[in-house]
């Protein structure tokens, strides 16, 4: 691929393609794709849940991910030309991933995020903005994604064969450029992945949703006052509460669009009686959402109740909060909901 800059005079200035492997490691490519997972496959974003995941044979999967339907995706990266054994390696990884139970996938996510409190189902639901009625059955199917500077012809032909047999296999080539001003450019092309694929019947399992009464019954004396206050506050200020399989989310509404910014979970959940922020949805849906969330995050930290949980915050309710602490927290929630409305949705 040739890439040009159009000058003010209308003349073309060609960017010179460079070999990515000169001056870059595969870890660099891993990090780039990790930060831009929506650009990896042809049919939507991937949720990265693990990096350099060790298999039962002692080998490591570059990136392990989930798609919107909960299928696992093995992402194999090559900074140069893909050798013939790449597909065999990916199939070996897929055969191991197929054996993983939900709890094992959840532990991989927790290790990746360095936080034992994450719930895979809720994290997946928040990332893909799934409706409460959308059921997901995790790891019912596996898919393979091969990313390389040059996808060799044998790899392409084998990948097409696998797709015909029903195993979703995607091959992606990338080209790397540097401008005269040292800007880095990358082009990405799906070279295998748009062909028809053999499909069987799609089966999903839906987990029943919880209720306000079930959550209140699953709290101790420390958490009960603040959860009750949040529920009453939401009703009074017409902020929607939505019930998941184990917890709830508190949303602001902008132009009939729900923007959940707080999630809460009872004792029996994997989150073990706590309140979480929902950074991902805010920065994705709201204009200047990242800046807005950072301000909210700082305000919550100042309360002394919240602690860091990756890019989000969590409030583990170990002691009964005072009336003043609850009122201050609700004031911050209300103020943030108003700012979300004022900023509006992204264009």
Protein backbone atom coordinates (compact mmCIF):
# COMPACT_ATOMS: atom_id res chain seq x y z
CA UNK A 1 0.00 0.00 0.00
CA UNK A 2 1.22 3.52 -0.87
CA UNK A 3 0.23 6.43 1.37
CA UNK A 4 0.38 10.10 0.38
CA UNK A 5 -0.03 13.47 2.01
CA UNK A 6 -1.80 16.07 -0.15
CA UNK A 7 0.05 19.39 0.07
CA UNK A 8 -1.63 22.78 -0.15
CA UNK A 9 -0.53 23.01 -3.78
CA UNK A 10 -2.32 19.77 -4.57
CA UNK A 11 0.93 17.84 -4.96
CA UNK A 12 1.35 14.42 -3.41
CA UNK A 13 4.09 13.75 -0.87
CA UNK A 14 4.58 10.03 -0.32
CA UNK A 15 5.04 8.59 3.15
CA UNK A 16 7.76 5.99 3.11
CA UNK A 17 6.78 2.57 4.40
CA UNK A 18 9.16 1.11 6.98
CA UNK A 19 9.68 -2.40 8.28
CA UNK A 20 7.89 -2.48 11.63
CA UNK A 21 10.25 -5.04 13.14
CA UNK A 22 13.12 -2.56 12.90
CA UNK A 23 13.04 -0.79 16.23
CA UNK A 24 9.84 -2.45 17.49
CA UNK A 25 9.12 -5.63 19.42
CA UNK A 26 5.98 -7.76 19.38
CA UNK A 27 5.23 -6.29 22.82
CA UNK A 28 4.87 -2.90 21.11
CA UNK A 29 2.29 -4.33 18.71
CA UNK A 30 0.51 -6.04 21.61
CA UNK A 31 0.24 -2.75 23.48
CA UNK A 32 -1.07 -0.88 20.41
CA UNK A 33 -3.78 -3.43 19.67
CA UNK A 34 -4.62 -3.69 23.36
CA UNK A 35 -5.41 0.02 23.36
CA UNK A 36 -7.33 -0.15 20.07
CA UNK A 37 -9.21 -3.43 20.33
CA UNK A 38 -12.13 -2.06 18.29
CA UNK A 39 -9.86 -2.17 15.21
CA UNK A 40 -8.89 -5.85 15.38
CA UNK A 41 -11.77 -7.80 13.81
CA UNK A 42 -14.27 -7.26 11.05
CA UNK A 43 -17.48 -7.49 13.08
CA UNK A 44 -17.01 -5.19 16.08
CA UNK A 45 -14.83 -4.60 19.09
CA UNK A 46 -13.09 -7.21 21.21
CA UNK A 47 -12.83 -7.04 24.99
CA UNK A 48 -9.26 -7.90 25.98
CA UNK A 49 -9.24 -10.06 29.13
CA UNK A 50 -5.64 -11.33 29.12
CA UNK A 51 -2.19 -10.68 27.76
CA UNK A 52 0.55 -13.32 27.51
CA UNK A 53 -1.80 -15.94 28.97
CA UNK A 54 0.12 -19.14 29.75
CA UNK A 55 -1.46 -22.36 28.44
CA UNK A 56 -1.21 -25.89 29.84
CA UNK A 57 1.81 -26.51 27.58
CA UNK A 58 3.72 -23.53 28.90
CA UNK A 59 3.23 -21.40 25.77
CA UNK A 60 1.70 -17.91 25.92
CA UNK A 61 -1.26 -16.46 24.03
CA UNK A 62 -0.42 -12.91 22.94
CA UNK A 63 -3.90 -11.54 23.62
CA UNK A 64 -7.01 -13.34 24.82
CA UNK A 65 -10.32 -11.59 24.23
CA UNK A 66 -14.11 -11.93 24.17
CA UNK A 67 -16.47 -10.75 21.46
CA UNK A 68 -19.94 -9.32 22.01
CA UNK A 69 -21.53 -12.80 22.07
CA UNK A 70 -19.08 -14.04 24.72
CA UNK A 71 -17.00 -16.16 22.32
CA UNK A 72 -13.29 -16.31 23.08
CA UNK A 73 -10.79 -14.89 20.59
CA UNK A 74 -7.15 -15.94 20.41
CA UNK A 75 -5.10 -13.07 18.97
CA UNK A 76 -1.69 -14.09 17.63
CA UNK A 77 0.69 -11.31 16.62
CA UNK A 78 3.70 -11.36 14.29
CA UNK A 79 5.68 -8.19 13.67
CA UNK A 80 7.05 -9.60 10.41
CA UNK A 81 5.94 -12.22 7.89
CA UNK A 82 3.80 -15.00 9.37
CA UNK A 83 5.67 -18.34 9.40
CA UNK A 84 3.87 -21.51 8.30
CA UNK A 85 3.52 -22.81 11.88
CA UNK A 86 1.47 -19.77 12.97
CA UNK A 87 -1.88 -21.46 12.32
CA UNK A 88 -0.84 -24.66 14.09
CA UNK A 89 0.21 -22.58 17.08
CA UNK A 90 -3.11 -20.70 17.12
CA UNK A 91 -5.09 -23.96 16.85
CA UNK A 92 -3.14 -25.35 19.80
CA UNK A 93 -4.10 -22.29 21.83
CA UNK A 94 -7.74 -22.55 20.74
CA UNK A 95 -7.94 -26.21 21.80
CA UNK A 96 -6.82 -25.18 25.30
CA UNK A 97 -9.06 -22.12 25.50
CA UNK A 98 -12.08 -24.27 24.56
CA UNK A 99 -11.68 -26.15 27.87
CA UNK A 100 -11.82 -23.02 30.04
CA UNK A 101 -14.79 -22.63 32.36
CA UNK A 102 -16.44 -19.30 33.16
CA UNK A 103 -14.62 -19.11 36.51
CA UNK A 104 -11.25 -19.61 34.80
CA UNK A 105 -11.97 -16.85 32.27
CA UNK A 106 -13.01 -14.59 35.12
CA UNK A 107 -9.76 -15.29 36.97
CA UNK A 108 -7.76 -14.49 33.82
CA UNK A 109 -9.58 -11.14 33.67
CA UNK A 110 -8.92 -10.46 37.36
CA UNK A 111 -5.22 -11.27 36.95
CA UNK A 112 -5.07 -9.03 33.88
CA UNK A 113 -6.73 -6.10 35.68
CA UNK A 114 -4.90 -6.90 38.94
CA UNK A 115 -8.16 -6.77 40.88
CA UNK A 116 -9.92 -9.75 42.45
CA UNK A 117 -13.28 -7.95 42.59
CA UNK A 118 -14.13 -7.87 38.89
CA UNK A 119 -17.12 -9.86 37.70
CA UNK A 120 -16.62 -11.06 34.13
CA UNK A 121 -20.30 -11.03 33.21
CA UNK A 122 -20.87 -7.48 34.47
CA UNK A 123 -17.61 -6.22 32.97
CA UNK A 124 -18.52 -7.73 29.59
CA UNK A 125 -22.05 -6.33 29.77
CA UNK A 126 -20.78 -2.83 30.60
CA UNK A 127 -18.11 -2.88 27.86
CA UNK A 128 -20.50 -3.90 25.08
CA UNK A 129 -23.41 -1.91 26.56
CA UNK A 130 -25.66 -4.93 26.48
CA UNK A 131 -29.30 -4.60 27.42
CA UNK A 132 -30.50 -6.43 30.51
CA UNK A 133 -32.46 -8.81 28.28
CA UNK A 134 -29.42 -9.76 26.16
CA UNK A 135 -28.19 -13.15 27.35
CA UNK A 136 -24.58 -14.22 26.85
CA UNK A 137 -23.19 -17.73 27.05
CA UNK A 138 -19.43 -17.50 27.51
CA UNK A 139 -16.92 -19.55 25.50
CA UNK A 140 -19.51 -21.44 23.47
CA UNK A 141 -17.29 -20.86 20.45
CA UNK A 142 -13.72 -19.84 19.75
CA UNK A 143 -12.22 -17.66 17.06
CA UNK A 144 -8.67 -17.06 15.84
CA UNK A 145 -7.19 -13.72 14.84
CA UNK A 146 -3.75 -13.56 13.21
CA UNK A 147 -2.13 -10.15 12.85
CA UNK A 148 1.09 -9.74 10.87
CA UNK A 149 3.10 -7.32 8.79
CA UNK A 150 2.74 -9.80 5.94
CA UNK A 151 0.28 -12.71 5.93
CA UNK A 152 1.88 -15.42 3.82
CA UNK A 153 -0.14 -17.19 1.13
CA UNK A 154 -0.11 -20.59 2.91
CA UNK A 155 -1.53 -18.90 6.04
CA UNK A 156 -4.24 -17.19 4.00
CA UNK A 157 -5.29 -20.41 2.28
CA UNK A 158 -5.36 -22.36 5.56
CA UNK A 159 -7.39 -19.61 7.24
CA UNK A 160 -9.95 -19.64 4.41
CA UNK A 161 -10.18 -23.45 4.72
CA UNK A 162 -10.83 -23.15 8.47
CA UNK A 163 -13.57 -20.57 7.87
CA UNK A 164 -15.26 -22.92 5.39
CA UNK A 165 -15.19 -25.60 8.10
CA UNK A 166 -16.86 -23.28 10.59
CA UNK A 167 -13.92 -21.96 12.64
CA UNK A 168 -13.95 -18.18 12.49
CA UNK A 169 -10.43 -17.19 11.47
CA UNK A 170 -9.39 -13.65 10.62
CA UNK A 171 -6.06 -12.55 9.13
CA UNK A 172 -5.02 -8.91 9.30
CA UNK A 173 -2.08 -7.23 7.59
CA UNK A 174 -0.72 -3.92 8.75
CA UNK A 175 1.64 -1.42 7.15
CA UNK A 176 3.79 1.00 9.14
CA UNK A 177 4.85 4.49 8.04
CA UNK A 178 6.77 7.39 9.52
CA UNK A 179 6.41 10.98 8.39
CA UNK A 180 9.14 13.57 8.09
CA UNK A 181 7.92 14.96 11.42
CA UNK A 182 8.35 11.51 13.04
CA UNK A 183 4.59 10.91 13.16
CA UNK A 184 3.70 7.22 13.14
CA UNK A 185 1.00 5.93 10.79
CA UNK A 186 -0.47 2.47 10.48
CA UNK A 187 -2.83 1.04 7.88
CA UNK A 188 -4.81 -2.12 8.65
CA UNK A 189 -6.41 -4.47 6.12
CA UNK A 190 -8.43 -7.61 6.71
CA UNK A 191 -7.10 -10.06 4.12
CA UNK A 192 -9.07 -13.08 5.39
CA UNK A 193 -12.30 -12.60 7.30
CA UNK A 194 -14.96 -11.36 4.93
CA UNK A 195 -15.63 -14.71 3.28
CA UNK A 196 -18.83 -16.58 4.17
CA UNK A 197 -18.50 -18.91 7.14
CA UNK A 198 -20.32 -22.12 7.86
CA UNK A 199 -22.71 -21.48 10.75
CA UNK A 200 -24.62 -23.77 13.03
CA UNK A 201 -27.57 -22.85 15.25
CA UNK A 202 -26.81 -20.04 17.70
CA UNK A 203 -27.64 -20.83 21.30
CA UNK A 204 -27.55 -18.37 24.18
CA UNK A 205 -28.36 -18.62 27.85
CA UNK A 206 -29.97 -15.77 29.73
CA UNK A 207 -29.36 -15.24 33.43
CA UNK A 208 -32.37 -13.96 35.41
CA UNK A 209 -32.20 -10.34 36.57
CA UNK A 210 -32.20 -9.34 40.20
CA UNK A 211 -34.59 -6.88 41.90
CA UNK A 212 -34.36 -4.05 44.39
CA UNK A 213 -35.79 -6.24 47.16
CA UNK A 214 -33.32 -9.06 46.46
CA UNK A 215 -30.39 -6.65 46.63
CA UNK A 216 -31.60 -5.03 49.87
CA UNK A 217 -32.03 -8.48 51.42
CA UNK A 218 -28.44 -9.32 50.50
CA UNK A 219 -26.77 -6.44 52.40
CA UNK A 220 -25.40 -6.10 55.90
CA UNK A 221 -26.14 -3.24 58.31
CA UNK A 222 -23.22 -1.21 56.92
CA UNK A 223 -24.36 -1.18 53.31
CA UNK A 224 -28.12 -1.15 53.78
CA UNK A 225 -28.45 2.61 54.55
CA UNK A 226 -26.45 3.78 51.54
CA UNK A 227 -28.14 1.42 49.07
CA UNK A 228 -31.56 2.50 50.32
CA UNK A 229 -30.51 6.12 50.01
CA UNK A 230 -29.30 5.58 46.43
CA UNK A 231 -32.56 3.89 45.43
CA UNK A 232 -34.67 6.68 46.98
CA UNK A 233 -32.41 9.32 45.46
CA UNK A 234 -32.76 7.75 41.98
CA UNK A 235 -36.55 7.65 42.24
CA UNK A 236 -36.79 11.23 43.53
CA UNK A 237 -34.53 12.65 40.80
CA UNK A 238 -35.87 10.41 38.01
CA UNK A 239 -32.51 8.75 37.38
CA UNK A 240 -33.11 5.24 35.99
CA UNK A 241 -32.06 2.17 37.93
CA UNK A 242 -31.45 -0.89 35.77
CA UNK A 243 -31.17 -4.38 37.22
CA UNK A 244 -28.51 -6.84 36.07
CA UNK A 245 -28.10 -10.49 37.00
CA UNK A 246 -26.51 -9.63 40.35
CA UNK A 247 -26.39 -5.83 40.71
CA UNK A 248 -27.78 -2.53 39.47
CA UNK A 249 -26.65 0.50 37.49
CA UNK A 250 -27.57 4.16 38.03
CA UNK A 251 -27.89 6.17 34.82
CA UNK A 252 -28.30 9.66 33.50
CA UNK A 253 -30.55 10.03 30.45
CA UNK A 254 -29.42 12.13 27.48
CA UNK A 255 -31.72 12.34 24.46
CA UNK A 256 -33.42 9.06 25.44
CA UNK A 257 -30.00 7.36 25.76
CA UNK A 258 -29.08 5.68 29.04
CA UNK A 259 -25.61 6.51 30.35
CA UNK A 260 -24.86 4.29 33.38
CA UNK A 261 -22.18 5.88 35.54
CA UNK A 262 -22.48 3.96 38.82
CA UNK A 263 -22.92 0.23 39.49
CA UNK A 264 -23.76 -1.43 42.81
CA UNK A 265 -23.44 -5.03 43.98
CA UNK A 266 -24.63 -6.94 47.09
CA UNK A 267 -22.75 -9.31 49.42
CA UNK A 268 -23.20 -12.53 47.49
CA UNK A 269 -21.83 -11.08 44.22
CA UNK A 270 -18.22 -11.41 43.11
CA UNK A 271 -17.87 -7.68 43.87
CA UNK A 272 -18.82 -8.36 47.50
CA UNK A 273 -20.95 -5.40 48.56
CA UNK A 274 -19.57 -2.35 46.85
CA UNK A 275 -20.24 0.56 44.52
CA UNK A 276 -18.28 0.91 41.25
CA UNK A 277 -17.88 3.73 38.77
CA UNK A 278 -18.48 3.05 35.07
CA UNK A 279 -15.80 5.02 33.21
CA UNK A 280 -16.02 3.14 29.91
CA UNK A 281 -19.61 4.08 29.09
CA UNK A 282 -19.15 7.74 30.07
CA UNK A 283 -16.06 8.33 27.92
CA UNK A 284 -17.59 6.42 25.00
CA UNK A 285 -21.00 8.10 24.96
CA UNK A 286 -20.46 11.61 26.32
CA UNK A 287 -18.73 14.59 24.72
CA UNK A 288 -15.45 15.24 26.56
CA UNK A 289 -16.37 12.24 28.70
CA UNK A 290 -12.81 11.43 29.75
CA UNK A 291 -12.23 14.94 31.11
CA UNK A 292 -15.62 14.89 32.81
CA UNK A 293 -15.01 11.50 34.41
CA UNK A 294 -11.58 12.48 35.74
CA UNK A 295 -13.13 15.44 37.55
CA UNK A 296 -15.83 13.18 39.04
CA UNK A 297 -13.17 10.63 39.98
CA UNK A 298 -11.16 13.23 41.91
CA UNK A 299 -14.26 14.35 43.79
CA UNK A 300 -15.05 10.77 44.80
CA UNK A 301 -11.48 10.18 45.99
CA UNK A 302 -11.75 13.27 48.21
CA UNK A 303 -14.66 11.65 50.08
CA UNK A 304 -12.24 9.08 51.48
CA UNK A 305 -14.66 6.28 50.63
CA UNK A 306 -13.38 5.25 47.22
CA UNK A 307 -10.18 3.52 46.13
CA UNK A 308 -8.68 2.84 42.71
CA UNK A 309 -9.78 -0.20 40.70
CA UNK A 310 -7.91 -0.04 37.39
CA UNK A 311 -9.21 3.04 35.57
CA UNK A 312 -12.32 3.08 37.74
CA UNK A 313 -13.01 3.55 41.44
CA UNK A 314 -14.65 1.22 43.95
CA UNK A 315 -16.24 1.82 47.34
CA UNK A 316 -16.00 -1.34 49.42
CA UNK A 317 -18.56 -0.88 52.19
CA UNK A 318 -16.85 -2.22 55.31
CA UNK A 319 -18.18 0.34 57.79
CA UNK A 320 -21.48 2.13 58.16
CA UNK A 321 -21.22 5.56 56.48
CA UNK A 322 -22.43 8.65 58.33
CA UNK A 323 -25.51 10.57 57.24
CA UNK A 324 -23.25 13.40 56.07
CA UNK A 325 -21.13 11.01 53.97
CA UNK A 326 -24.22 9.57 52.29
CA UNK A 327 -25.65 13.02 51.55
CA UNK A 328 -22.32 14.19 50.13
CA UNK A 329 -22.09 11.12 47.92
CA UNK A 330 -25.61 11.62 46.57
CA UNK A 331 -24.81 15.27 45.91
CA UNK A 332 -21.80 14.21 43.81
CA UNK A 333 -23.93 11.65 41.93
CA UNK A 334 -26.56 14.27 41.15
CA UNK A 335 -23.96 16.83 40.06
CA UNK A 336 -22.27 14.33 37.76
CA UNK A 337 -25.59 13.28 36.21
CA UNK A 338 -26.34 16.94 35.48
CA UNK A 339 -22.91 17.45 33.88
CA UNK A 340 -23.45 14.40 31.70
CA UNK A 341 -26.70 15.93 30.44
CA UNK A 342 -25.06 19.32 29.87
CA UNK A 343 -22.17 17.88 27.86
CA UNK A 344 -24.43 15.75 25.68
CA UNK A 345 -23.72 12.73 23.52
CA UNK A 346 -20.67 12.39 21.32
CA UNK A 347 -21.22 13.33 17.69
